[in-house]
Structure formats: C-alpha cells, structure tokens
Amino acid sequence: MVLTLASLLALLAGFGGALHPFGDALAVFRLQVGVMATTFALALRLTGMRIGLVLAIVALIAIAPAIWQRVGPVEVPNAALTVYQKNLSFRLADTGPVTRDIIAQNPDVVTLQEVTQANFAVLDALKETHPTQVHCPFVRVGAVVILSRWPAVKGSELCVTGQGLAAVQVTTPRGDLWLVSMHMYWPWPYRQAEQLGLLLPELSALKGPMIVAGDFNMVPGGYSLRAIAGATDTRRARPALNSFPRFSPWIPMPIDHVFAPGLGAVELRPEFGSDHRGILVRIEHFDFGD
C-alpha cells in the first residue's frame, strides 16, 4: 500500500508545475511513474484489496493523455511548411551526416541548439539554401540558431543572450511568420522555471503567427510546455517521440518539440553523432491573418 500511495502521489504532484517547479521535474517521468503506480495498485487488488482497482483506474486516467500524445496518429497530407529541429550537441565530432540529412529533407526552416565553433560548419553548408541565419549565444554548450529559406523582416531579429531564445520574423509567400529557436534548462533543481519566467514575456510580445521549436528538456504535459503554447497561441506537433534516447527505450524522453498555429506531424531523424535525434515536422496550412 505504501508503494502504491507514494507512486500515485508522485504522479499527481507532476501536474503541479504551475505551483512549484518540482512538479515539472516529476512530470518528466510521468509515464514511468504512472506505470509503476498502476502495477502496484493492481498488485493490491490481487491481494484482495478492492481499493487497488480504484487506484489503478486513477493512475491510468492520469497517464492516458501522455500515452495518446505518443501513439495518437497524425496526418498532414498537404503541408504548408516543414521544420527540421535538432540539438547538434557541442560534442559533435563529424558534421557531415547531419548536414547531408538536412539538405536531403529540404526543410523550409531549421532550428538548432548547442551550436559551437566545432559544429558551425553546418551553418556554412546551408548558407545558400537558408540564407537567413540568426545566431544567439546561450551558455557554454553552445548557441541557439534559426535558419530559413525566406528573407528576414528588417529589424525583427531578437536574441535573448544567455537565456536560450532567438527569434526572427520572415516573409513567406503567404505572409510574415515569426520563427523561434529555444533551448531550455533541465527542470528543478535546475533553472528552467526561472528561465521560463524571463522568456514568456518575450514570446507574448511577438505578434502574428509563429513557429516555436527547440530542445525544451520537458515532456508533453509539463507546465512549461503548456505555458509556451499559451503565450504563442500555438499547438505542439504530434506524436511525442523519443528524441533523447540517452537512457534506454524503456525511458522515452520526448523533449524536442515544434509548436505551430496548425497541426504538425512529427518524424524522427537519426542521431548523427548527437545525443538527440532530430525531428522533422510537417505543418498543415494555417491562417496568417491576412
């Protein structure tokens, strides 16, 4: 009973990120904790305790959205644009494979994190196809970057130095569009909550449709992702796939995301020497407010 209640309490506390950042730290492992709580609860039921079934149902209801975000089908037959999101890793030794993959996928927008002098060759290789390039210093692991095939609106570049946010408004054939690249800290006890508090006003001040992509170090259902979606009037592309396979297939970490005004369908790309897999997102046609 103690293990069941403890795991169930941890599961429910993971929904409290708006009250304390510790909630988002627990939210990262919501699916794993939920499976544990369900298992312990069903074990109670097998011992004859009827409350075990009730607790198992509560745990399953709590993790049902997380399961759906990972397996729910998404189709975007007529994509308006494509985004390639990738944390390059400051330890990346060979930039060739990821560069070739980006070129092969031919995305309209590329958002990168952990861009350093060692892997800057990726940007150089894409200058011809993606001439709009915004580079914003973050911390020692490297900068956040936006690459676009479309021209920038003059004077629109935004760099929140040291806080992991770069933005630029570009002129597309359908209208002006904000592009944002983000790199968030890990949640509590690290600085994600403080960082979020600084960046939400910056995001809210950007007027017009926007694409927000990056390494958010947060899984779906966390408060920080909900807050970003609310501040930008966007929705997160699905499904939520394991973009950070560092631990194991049994501990999936979908922490790289793309937010857009329209529905987005996510496809995983290989690691190519990074500790993150890239995600290629096809986004449906959406209203530019023309």
C-alpha atoms as a PDB file:
ATOM      1  CA  MET A   1       0.000   0.000   0.000  1.00  0.00           C
ATOM      2  CA  VAL A   2       2.843   2.426   0.865  1.00  0.00           C
ATOM      3  CA  LEU A   3       4.482   1.991  -2.550  1.00  0.00           C
ATOM      4  CA  THR A   4       1.153   2.427  -4.304  1.00  0.00           C
ATOM      5  CA  LEU A   5       0.276   5.639  -2.486  1.00  0.00           C
ATOM      6  CA  ALA A   6       3.799   7.052  -2.841  1.00  0.00           C
ATOM      7  CA  SER A   7       3.917   6.462  -6.590  1.00  0.00           C
ATOM      8  CA  LEU A   8       0.372   7.775  -7.043  1.00  0.00           C
ATOM      9  CA  LEU A   9       1.215  10.901  -5.042  1.00  0.00           C
ATOM     10  CA  ALA A  10       4.333  11.475  -7.189  1.00  0.00           C
ATOM     11  CA  LEU A  11       2.230  11.005 -10.313  1.00  0.00           C
ATOM     12  CA  LEU A  12      -0.378  13.551  -9.251  1.00  0.00           C
ATOM     13  CA  ALA A  13       2.258  16.002  -7.977  1.00  0.00           C
ATOM     14  CA  GLY A  14       3.665  16.026 -11.512  1.00  0.00           C
ATOM     15  CA  PHE A  15       0.635  18.066 -12.561  1.00  0.00           C
ATOM     16  CA  GLY A  16       1.574  20.852 -10.155  1.00  0.00           C
ATOM     17  CA  GLY A  17       4.314  22.543 -12.146  1.00  0.00           C
ATOM     18  CA  ALA A  18       2.386  25.815 -12.108  1.00  0.00           C
ATOM     19  CA  LEU A  19       2.531  25.784  -8.297  1.00  0.00           C
ATOM     20  CA  HIS A  20       6.158  24.697  -7.876  1.00  0.00           C
ATOM     21  CA  PRO A  21       8.855  23.752 -10.418  1.00  0.00           C
ATOM     22  CA  PHE A  22       9.339  20.422  -8.626  1.00  0.00           C
ATOM     23  CA  GLY A  23       6.083  19.407 -10.305  1.00  0.00           C
ATOM     24  CA  ASP A  24       7.676  19.716 -13.739  1.00  0.00           C
ATOM     25  CA  ALA A  25      10.672  17.687 -12.553  1.00  0.00           C
ATOM     26  CA  LEU A  26       8.240  14.884 -11.735  1.00  0.00           C
ATOM     27  CA  ALA A  27       6.324  15.418 -14.974  1.00  0.00           C
ATOM     28  CA  VAL A  28       9.396  14.345 -16.966  1.00  0.00           C
ATOM     29  CA  PHE A  29       8.865  10.829 -15.626  1.00  0.00           C
ATOM     30  CA  ARG A  30       5.060  10.883 -15.579  1.00  0.00           C
ATOM     31  CA  LEU A  31       4.607   7.879 -17.827  1.00  0.00           C
ATOM     32  CA  GLN A  32       7.119   5.737 -15.940  1.00  0.00           C
ATOM     33  CA  VAL A  33       5.722   6.700 -12.517  1.00  0.00           C
ATOM     34  CA  GLY A  34       2.190   6.096 -13.788  1.00  0.00           C
ATOM     35  CA  VAL A  35       3.053   2.586 -14.952  1.00  0.00           C
ATOM     36  CA  MET A  36       4.598   1.887 -11.543  1.00  0.00           C
ATOM     37  CA  ALA A  37       1.521   3.215  -9.722  1.00  0.00           C
ATOM     38  CA  THR A  38      -0.798   1.134 -11.901  1.00  0.00           C
ATOM     39  CA  THR A  39       1.272  -2.004 -11.331  1.00  0.00           C
ATOM     40  CA  PHE A  40       1.405  -1.539  -7.567  1.00  0.00           C
ATOM     41  CA  ALA A  41      -2.325  -0.821  -7.449  1.00  0.00           C
ATOM     42  CA  LEU A  42      -3.212  -3.927  -9.438  1.00  0.00           C
ATOM     43  CA  ALA A  43      -0.972  -5.955  -7.126  1.00  0.00           C
ATOM     44  CA  LEU A  44      -3.055  -4.662  -4.220  1.00  0.00           C
ATOM     45  CA  ARG A  45      -6.206  -5.795  -5.979  1.00  0.00           C
ATOM     46  CA  LEU A  46      -4.754  -9.267  -6.429  1.00  0.00           C
ATOM     47  CA  THR A  47      -4.199  -9.473  -2.682  1.00  0.00           C
ATOM     48  CA  GLY A  48      -7.913  -8.847  -2.168  1.00  0.00           C
ATOM     49  CA  MET A  49      -7.909  -5.088  -1.520  1.00  0.00           C
ATOM     50  CA  ARG A  50     -10.681  -3.609  -3.675  1.00  0.00           C
ATOM     51  CA  ILE A  51      -9.280  -0.101  -3.435  1.00  0.00           C
ATOM     52  CA  GLY A  52      -6.411  -1.306  -5.596  1.00  0.00           C
ATOM     53  CA  LEU A  53      -8.642  -1.312  -8.668  1.00  0.00           C
ATOM     54  CA  VAL A  54      -9.813   2.227  -7.948  1.00  0.00           C
ATOM     55  CA  LEU A  55      -6.240   3.454  -7.563  1.00  0.00           C
ATOM     56  CA  ALA A  56      -5.210   1.703 -10.783  1.00  0.00           C
ATOM     57  CA  ILE A  57      -8.014   3.468 -12.666  1.00  0.00           C
ATOM     58  CA  VAL A  58      -6.917   6.833 -11.230  1.00  0.00           C
ATOM     59  CA  ALA A  59      -3.338   6.202 -12.364  1.00  0.00           C
ATOM     60  CA  LEU A  60      -4.436   5.145 -15.851  1.00  0.00           C
ATOM     61  CA  ILE A  61      -6.610   8.241 -16.243  1.00  0.00           C
ATOM     62  CA  ALA A  62      -3.636  10.409 -15.201  1.00  0.00           C
ATOM     63  CA  ILE A  63      -1.307   8.952 -17.825  1.00  0.00           C
ATOM     64  CA  ALA A  64      -3.857   8.460 -20.614  1.00  0.00           C
ATOM     65  CA  PRO A  65      -3.046  11.857 -22.249  1.00  0.00           C
ATOM     66  CA  ALA A  66       0.697  11.079 -22.149  1.00  0.00           C
ATOM     67  CA  ILE A  67       0.073   7.747 -23.871  1.00  0.00           C
ATOM     68  CA  TRP A  68      -2.133   9.358 -26.513  1.00  0.00           C
ATOM     69  CA  GLN A  69       0.484  12.029 -27.234  1.00  0.00           C
ATOM     70  CA  ARG A  70       2.948   9.248 -28.042  1.00  0.00           C
ATOM     71  CA  VAL A  71       0.743   6.922 -30.098  1.00  0.00           C
ATOM     72  CA  GLY A  72      -2.070   9.103 -31.450  1.00  0.00           C
ATOM     73  CA  PRO A  73      -1.917   9.126 -35.272  1.00  0.00           C
ATOM     74  CA  VAL A  74      -1.303  12.405 -37.110  1.00  0.00           C
ATOM     75  CA  GLU A  75      -1.666  13.041 -40.820  1.00  0.00           C
ATOM     76  CA  VAL A  76      -0.766  16.222 -42.666  1.00  0.00           C
ATOM     77  CA  PRO A  77      -1.364  15.418 -46.347  1.00  0.00           C
ATOM     78  CA  ASN A  78      -0.794  18.965 -47.642  1.00  0.00           C
ATOM     79  CA  ALA A  79       1.955  20.546 -45.579  1.00  0.00           C
ATOM     80  CA  ALA A  80       2.384  24.315 -45.775  1.00  0.00           C
ATOM     81  CA  LEU A  81       5.962  24.168 -44.490  1.00  0.00           C
ATOM     82  CA  THR A  82       8.499  21.867 -42.862  1.00  0.00           C
ATOM     83  CA  VAL A  83      10.760  22.389 -39.853  1.00  0.00           C
ATOM     84  CA  TYR A  84      13.900  20.436 -39.001  1.00  0.00           C
ATOM     85  CA  GLN A  85      14.654  20.699 -35.272  1.00  0.00           C
ATOM     86  CA  LYS A  86      17.971  19.412 -33.957  1.00  0.00           C
ATOM     87  CA  ASN A  87      20.169  19.727 -30.876  1.00  0.00           C
ATOM     88  CA  LEU A  88      23.533  19.266 -32.578  1.00  0.00           C
ATOM     89  CA  SER A  89      25.456  18.563 -29.341  1.00  0.00           C
ATOM     90  CA  PHE A  90      28.558  20.547 -28.520  1.00  0.00           C
ATOM     91  CA  ARG A  91      30.417  17.205 -28.589  1.00  0.00           C
ATOM     92  CA  LEU A  92      29.517  16.520 -32.241  1.00  0.00           C
ATOM     93  CA  ALA A  93      32.674  15.261 -33.953  1.00  0.00           C
ATOM     94  CA  ASP A  94      31.516  14.978 -37.579  1.00  0.00           C
ATOM     95  CA  THR A  95      29.032  17.474 -39.012  1.00  0.00           C
ATOM     96  CA  GLY A  96      28.802  15.756 -42.387  1.00  0.00           C
ATOM     97  CA  PRO A  97      25.997  13.218 -41.737  1.00  0.00           C
ATOM     98  CA  VAL A  98      23.546  15.664 -40.136  1.00  0.00           C
ATOM     99  CA  THR A  99      24.290  18.312 -42.758  1.00  0.00           C
ATOM    100  CA  ARG A 100      23.580  15.855 -45.557  1.00  0.00           C
ATOM    101  CA  ASP A 101      20.336  14.786 -43.898  1.00  0.00           C
ATOM    102  CA  ILE A 102      19.103  18.360 -43.522  1.00  0.00           C
ATOM    103  CA  ILE A 103      19.880  19.038 -47.172  1.00  0.00           C
ATOM    104  CA  ALA A 104      18.136  15.825 -48.223  1.00  0.00           C
ATOM    105  CA  GLN A 105      14.978  16.656 -46.247  1.00  0.00           C
ATOM    106  CA  ASN A 106      14.937  20.175 -47.750  1.00  0.00           C
ATOM    107  CA  PRO A 107      13.118  21.894 -44.849  1.00  0.00           C
ATOM    108  CA  ASP A 108      11.879  25.468 -45.024  1.00  0.00           C
ATOM    109  CA  VAL A 109      13.130  26.179 -41.502  1.00  0.00           C
ATOM    110  CA  VAL A 110      15.957  24.700 -39.436  1.00  0.00           C
ATOM    111  CA  THR A 111      16.230  25.284 -35.687  1.00  0.00           C
ATOM    112  CA  LEU A 112      19.421  24.234 -33.918  1.00  0.00           C
ATOM    113  CA  GLN A 113      20.813  24.203 -30.390  1.00  0.00           C
ATOM    114  CA  GLU A 114      24.310  23.657 -28.977  1.00  0.00           C
ATOM    115  CA  VAL A 115      25.915  25.349 -31.960  1.00  0.00           C
ATOM    116  CA  THR A 116      29.629  25.886 -31.324  1.00  0.00           C
ATOM    117  CA  GLN A 117      32.694  26.735 -33.380  1.00  0.00           C
ATOM    118  CA  ALA A 118      33.289  22.995 -33.666  1.00  0.00           C
ATOM    119  CA  ASN A 119      29.985  22.343 -35.456  1.00  0.00           C
ATOM    120  CA  PHE A 120      29.492  25.737 -37.125  1.00  0.00           C
ATOM    121  CA  ALA A 121      30.202  24.025 -40.455  1.00  0.00           C
ATOM    122  CA  VAL A 122      26.523  23.013 -40.542  1.00  0.00           C
ATOM    123  CA  LEU A 123      25.527  26.677 -40.865  1.00  0.00           C
ATOM    124  CA  ASP A 124      28.156  27.354 -43.516  1.00  0.00           C
ATOM    125  CA  ALA A 125      26.942  24.404 -45.583  1.00  0.00           C
ATOM    126  CA  LEU A 126      23.358  25.727 -45.540  1.00  0.00           C
ATOM    127  CA  LYS A 127      24.059  29.378 -46.374  1.00  0.00           C
ATOM    128  CA  GLU A 128      22.988  29.010 -49.981  1.00  0.00           C
ATOM    129  CA  THR A 129      19.668  27.258 -49.298  1.00  0.00           C
ATOM    130  CA  HIS A 130      18.938  29.009 -45.978  1.00  0.00           C
ATOM    131  CA  PRO A 131      20.449  32.497 -46.231  1.00  0.00           C
ATOM    132  CA  THR A 132      18.577  33.922 -43.235  1.00  0.00           C
ATOM    133  CA  GLN A 133      20.645  32.833 -40.251  1.00  0.00           C
ATOM    134  CA  VAL A 134      20.168  34.067 -36.693  1.00  0.00           C
ATOM    135  CA  HIS A 135      22.737  33.055 -34.064  1.00  0.00           C
ATOM    136  CA  CYS A 136      22.203  33.780 -30.366  1.00  0.00           C
ATOM    137  CA  PRO A 137      24.688  32.852 -27.597  1.00  0.00           C
ATOM    138  CA  PHE A 138      23.331  30.704 -24.775  1.00  0.00           C
ATOM    139  CA  VAL A 139      25.703  29.003 -22.327  1.00  0.00           C
ATOM    140  CA  ARG A 140      28.943  27.055 -22.706  1.00  0.00           C
ATOM    141  CA  VAL A 141      27.200  24.170 -24.521  1.00  0.00           C
ATOM    142  CA  GLY A 142      26.516  26.447 -27.487  1.00  0.00           C
ATOM    143  CA  ALA A 143      24.158  28.880 -29.158  1.00  0.00           C
ATOM    144  CA  VAL A 144      20.574  28.676 -30.401  1.00  0.00           C
ATOM    145  CA  VAL A 145      20.176  29.210 -34.127  1.00  0.00           C
ATOM    146  CA  ILE A 146      17.469  29.770 -36.746  1.00  0.00           C
ATOM    147  CA  LEU A 147      17.980  29.082 -40.447  1.00  0.00           C
ATOM    148  CA  SER A 148      15.342  29.962 -43.045  1.00  0.00           C
ATOM    149  CA  ARG A 149      14.998  29.918 -46.807  1.00  0.00           C
ATOM    150  CA  TRP A 150      12.873  33.089 -46.554  1.00  0.00           C
ATOM    151  CA  PRO A 151      14.178  36.642 -46.078  1.00  0.00           C
ATOM    152  CA  ALA A 152      14.041  38.308 -42.676  1.00  0.00           C
ATOM    153  CA  VAL A 153      11.840  41.288 -41.946  1.00  0.00           C
ATOM    154  CA  LYS A 154      14.277  44.140 -41.401  1.00  0.00           C
ATOM    155  CA  GLY A 155      14.955  44.845 -37.744  1.00  0.00           C
ATOM    156  CA  SER A 156      12.969  41.860 -36.458  1.00  0.00           C
ATOM    157  CA  GLU A 157      15.863  39.785 -35.109  1.00  0.00           C
ATOM    158  CA  LEU A 158      15.659  39.039 -31.383  1.00  0.00           C
ATOM    159  CA  CYS A 159      18.354  37.458 -29.248  1.00  0.00           C
ATOM    160  CA  VAL A 160      17.835  36.981 -25.516  1.00  0.00           C
ATOM    161  CA  THR A 161      21.520  36.447 -24.781  1.00  0.00           C
ATOM    162  CA  GLY A 162      22.278  33.742 -22.255  1.00  0.00           C
ATOM    163  CA  GLN A 163      18.642  32.690 -21.932  1.00  0.00           C
ATOM    164  CA  GLY A 164      18.278  30.329 -24.880  1.00  0.00           C
ATOM    165  CA  LEU A 165      15.938  32.209 -27.208  1.00  0.00           C
ATOM    166  CA  ALA A 166      16.438  33.501 -30.733  1.00  0.00           C
ATOM    167  CA  ALA A 167      13.636  34.845 -32.943  1.00  0.00           C
ATOM    168  CA  VAL A 168      13.212  36.446 -36.333  1.00  0.00           C
ATOM    169  CA  GLN A 169      10.230  37.343 -38.480  1.00  0.00           C
ATOM    170  CA  VAL A 170      10.480  36.167 -42.086  1.00  0.00           C
ATOM    171  CA  THR A 171       8.440  36.957 -45.187  1.00  0.00           C
ATOM    172  CA  THR A 172       6.955  33.811 -46.684  1.00  0.00           C
ATOM    173  CA  PRO A 173       4.853  33.560 -49.867  1.00  0.00           C
ATOM    174  CA  ARG A 174       1.751  33.543 -47.636  1.00  0.00           C
ATOM    175  CA  GLY A 175       2.698  36.319 -45.226  1.00  0.00           C
ATOM    176  CA  ASP A 176       5.043  37.212 -42.382  1.00  0.00           C
ATOM    177  CA  LEU A 177       5.888  34.482 -39.899  1.00  0.00           C
ATOM    178  CA  TRP A 178       7.842  34.511 -36.642  1.00  0.00           C
ATOM    179  CA  LEU A 179      10.436  31.775 -36.158  1.00  0.00           C
ATOM    180  CA  VAL A 180      11.733  30.980 -32.676  1.00  0.00           C
ATOM    181  CA  SER A 181      14.503  28.623 -31.540  1.00  0.00           C
ATOM    182  CA  MET A 182      14.717  27.768 -27.822  1.00  0.00           C
ATOM    183  CA  HIS A 183      16.957  25.778 -25.513  1.00  0.00           C
ATOM    184  CA  MET A 184      15.558  25.342 -22.018  1.00  0.00           C
ATOM    185  CA  TYR A 185      17.413  24.250 -18.928  1.00  0.00           C
ATOM    186  CA  TRP A 186      16.523  20.976 -17.238  1.00  0.00           C
ATOM    187  CA  PRO A 187      13.647  21.452 -14.752  1.00  0.00           C
ATOM    188  CA  TRP A 188      14.055  21.793 -10.981  1.00  0.00           C
ATOM    189  CA  PRO A 189      16.509  21.813  -9.288  1.00  0.00           C
ATOM    190  CA  TYR A 190      17.959  23.496 -12.373  1.00  0.00           C
ATOM    191  CA  ARG A 191      16.841  26.876 -13.745  1.00  0.00           C
ATOM    192  CA  GLN A 192      14.005  26.049 -16.134  1.00  0.00           C
ATOM    193  CA  ALA A 193      11.301  27.780 -14.079  1.00  0.00           C
ATOM    194  CA  GLU A 194      13.347  30.984 -13.732  1.00  0.00           C
ATOM    195  CA  GLN A 195      14.231  30.898 -17.432  1.00  0.00           C
ATOM    196  CA  LEU A 196      10.580  30.366 -18.381  1.00  0.00           C
ATOM    197  CA  GLY A 197       9.569  33.391 -16.337  1.00  0.00           C
ATOM    198  CA  LEU A 198      12.031  35.543 -18.276  1.00  0.00           C
ATOM    199  CA  LEU A 199      11.115  34.213 -21.714  1.00  0.00           C
ATOM    200  CA  LEU A 200       7.314  34.105 -21.594  1.00  0.00           C
ATOM    201  CA  PRO A 201       7.005  37.941 -21.812  1.00  0.00           C
ATOM    202  CA  GLU A 202       9.389  37.914 -24.783  1.00  0.00           C
ATOM    203  CA  LEU A 203       7.258  35.303 -26.543  1.00  0.00           C
ATOM    204  CA  SER A 204       3.988  37.062 -25.712  1.00  0.00           C
ATOM    205  CA  ALA A 205       5.332  40.292 -27.241  1.00  0.00           C
ATOM    206  CA  LEU A 206       5.764  38.684 -30.677  1.00  0.00           C
ATOM    207  CA  LYS A 207       2.618  39.472 -32.637  1.00  0.00           C
ATOM    208  CA  GLY A 208       1.475  37.317 -35.508  1.00  0.00           C
ATOM    209  CA  PRO A 209       1.689  33.630 -36.409  1.00  0.00           C
ATOM    210  CA  MET A 210       4.805  31.854 -35.248  1.00  0.00           C
ATOM    211  CA  ILE A 211       6.718  28.600 -35.204  1.00  0.00           C
ATOM    212  CA  VAL A 212       8.486  27.789 -31.925  1.00  0.00           C
ATOM    213  CA  ALA A 213      10.944  24.893 -31.906  1.00  0.00           C
ATOM    214  CA  GLY A 214      13.737  23.656 -29.722  1.00  0.00           C
ATOM    215  CA  ASP A 215      15.132  21.436 -27.025  1.00  0.00           C
ATOM    216  CA  PHE A 216      12.753  22.149 -24.138  1.00  0.00           C
ATOM    217  CA  ASN A 217      14.020  19.490 -21.726  1.00  0.00           C
ATOM    218  CA  MET A 218      10.387  18.753 -20.939  1.00  0.00           C
ATOM    219  CA  VAL A 219       7.929  16.075 -22.000  1.00  0.00           C
ATOM    220  CA  PRO A 220       4.305  16.733 -23.041  1.00  0.00           C
ATOM    221  CA  GLY A 221       2.043  17.602 -20.148  1.00  0.00           C
ATOM    222  CA  GLY A 222       4.635  19.657 -18.290  1.00  0.00           C
ATOM    223  CA  TYR A 223       3.616  23.142 -17.212  1.00  0.00           C
ATOM    224  CA  SER A 224       6.429  24.826 -19.129  1.00  0.00           C
ATOM    225  CA  LEU A 225       5.219  23.443 -22.472  1.00  0.00           C
ATOM    226  CA  ARG A 226       1.625  24.416 -21.733  1.00  0.00           C
ATOM    227  CA  ALA A 227       2.753  27.929 -20.827  1.00  0.00           C
ATOM    228  CA  ILE A 228       4.749  28.308 -24.044  1.00  0.00           C
ATOM    229  CA  ALA A 229       1.824  27.102 -26.152  1.00  0.00           C
ATOM    230  CA  GLY A 230      -0.471  29.573 -24.388  1.00  0.00           C
ATOM    231  CA  ALA A 231       1.908  32.520 -24.773  1.00  0.00           C
ATOM    232  CA  THR A 232       2.386  31.881 -28.501  1.00  0.00           C
ATOM    233  CA  ASP A 233      -1.116  30.711 -29.454  1.00  0.00           C
ATOM    234  CA  THR A 234       0.326  27.524 -30.913  1.00  0.00           C
ATOM    235  CA  ARG A 235      -0.113  23.787 -30.561  1.00  0.00           C
ATOM    236  CA  ARG A 236       2.602  21.175 -30.204  1.00  0.00           C
ATOM    237  CA  ALA A 237       3.209  18.870 -33.144  1.00  0.00           C
ATOM    238  CA  ARG A 238       2.487  15.173 -32.516  1.00  0.00           C
ATOM    239  CA  PRO A 239       3.219  12.426 -31.820  1.00  0.00           C
ATOM    240  CA  ALA A 240       5.703  12.941 -28.991  1.00  0.00           C
ATOM    241  CA  LEU A 241       8.607  10.708 -29.983  1.00  0.00           C
ATOM    242  CA  ASN A 242      11.749   9.733 -28.095  1.00  0.00           C
ATOM    243  CA  SER A 243      14.124  12.478 -29.243  1.00  0.00           C
ATOM    244  CA  PHE A 244      16.546  11.919 -26.336  1.00  0.00           C
ATOM    245  CA  PRO A 245      17.320   8.175 -26.272  1.00  0.00           C
ATOM    246  CA  ARG A 246      20.224   8.561 -23.853  1.00  0.00           C
ATOM    247  CA  PHE A 247      18.710   6.417 -21.093  1.00  0.00           C
ATOM    248  CA  SER A 248      17.000   3.495 -22.818  1.00  0.00           C
ATOM    249  CA  PRO A 249      13.965   2.656 -24.992  1.00  0.00           C
ATOM    250  CA  TRP A 250      12.123   1.957 -21.734  1.00  0.00           C
ATOM    251  CA  ILE A 251      12.592   5.523 -20.530  1.00  0.00           C
ATOM    252  CA  PRO A 252      11.464   7.564 -23.553  1.00  0.00           C
ATOM    253  CA  MET A 253      12.279  11.260 -23.381  1.00  0.00           C
ATOM    254  CA  PRO A 254      10.362  13.303 -25.968  1.00  0.00           C
ATOM    255  CA  ILE A 255      11.922  16.658 -25.090  1.00  0.00           C
ATOM    256  CA  ASP A 256      12.439  18.216 -28.544  1.00  0.00           C
ATOM    257  CA  HIS A 257       9.274  19.851 -29.888  1.00  0.00           C
ATOM    258  CA  VAL A 258       7.839  22.120 -32.544  1.00  0.00           C
ATOM    259  CA  PHE A 259       4.870  24.401 -31.855  1.00  0.00           C
ATOM    260  CA  ALA A 260       2.839  25.852 -34.718  1.00  0.00           C
ATOM    261  CA  PRO A 261      -0.510  27.556 -35.423  1.00  0.00           C
ATOM    262  CA  GLY A 262      -1.637  24.461 -37.352  1.00  0.00           C
ATOM    263  CA  LEU A 263      -1.465  20.715 -36.868  1.00  0.00           C
ATOM    264  CA  GLY A 264       2.041  19.264 -37.164  1.00  0.00           C
ATOM    265  CA  ALA A 265       3.170  15.701 -37.818  1.00  0.00           C
ATOM    266  CA  VAL A 266       6.493  14.596 -36.303  1.00  0.00           C
ATOM    267  CA  GLU A 267       9.034  12.227 -37.861  1.00  0.00           C
ATOM    268  CA  LEU A 268      12.211  11.201 -36.048  1.00  0.00           C
ATOM    269  CA  ARG A 269      15.591  11.551 -37.730  1.00  0.00           C
ATOM    270  CA  PRO A 270      18.752   9.675 -36.651  1.00  0.00           C
ATOM    271  CA  GLU A 271      21.162  10.960 -34.003  1.00  0.00           C
ATOM    272  CA  PHE A 272      24.078  11.523 -36.416  1.00  0.00           C
ATOM    273  CA  GLY A 273      26.591  11.749 -33.567  1.00  0.00           C
ATOM    274  CA  SER A 274      24.458  13.846 -31.218  1.00  0.00           C
ATOM    275  CA  ASP A 275      22.752  12.659 -28.031  1.00  0.00           C
ATOM    276  CA  HIS A 276      19.481  13.978 -29.505  1.00  0.00           C
ATOM    277  CA  ARG A 277      17.610  12.699 -32.503  1.00  0.00           C
ATOM    278  CA  GLY A 278      16.363  15.327 -34.899  1.00  0.00           C
ATOM    279  CA  ILE A 279      12.668  15.798 -35.598  1.00  0.00           C
ATOM    280  CA  LEU A 280      11.233  16.714 -38.979  1.00  0.00           C
ATOM    281  CA  VAL A 281       7.809  18.330 -38.665  1.00  0.00           C
ATOM    282  CA  ARG A 282       5.339  18.894 -41.490  1.00  0.00           C
ATOM    283  CA  ILE A 283       2.843  21.620 -40.602  1.00  0.00           C
ATOM    284  CA  GLU A 284      -0.572  21.991 -42.176  1.00  0.00           C
ATOM    285  CA  HIS A 285      -1.796  25.182 -43.812  1.00  0.00           C
ATOM    286  CA  PHE A 286      -2.788  27.774 -41.231  1.00  0.00           C
ATOM    287  CA  ASP A 287      -4.217  31.277 -41.116  1.00  0.00           C
ATOM    288  CA  PHE A 288      -1.661  34.066 -41.476  1.00  0.00           C
ATOM    289  CA  GLY A 289      -4.309  36.630 -40.557  1.00  0.00           C
ATOM    290  CA  ASP A 290      -4.331  38.228 -43.990  1.00  0.00           C
END
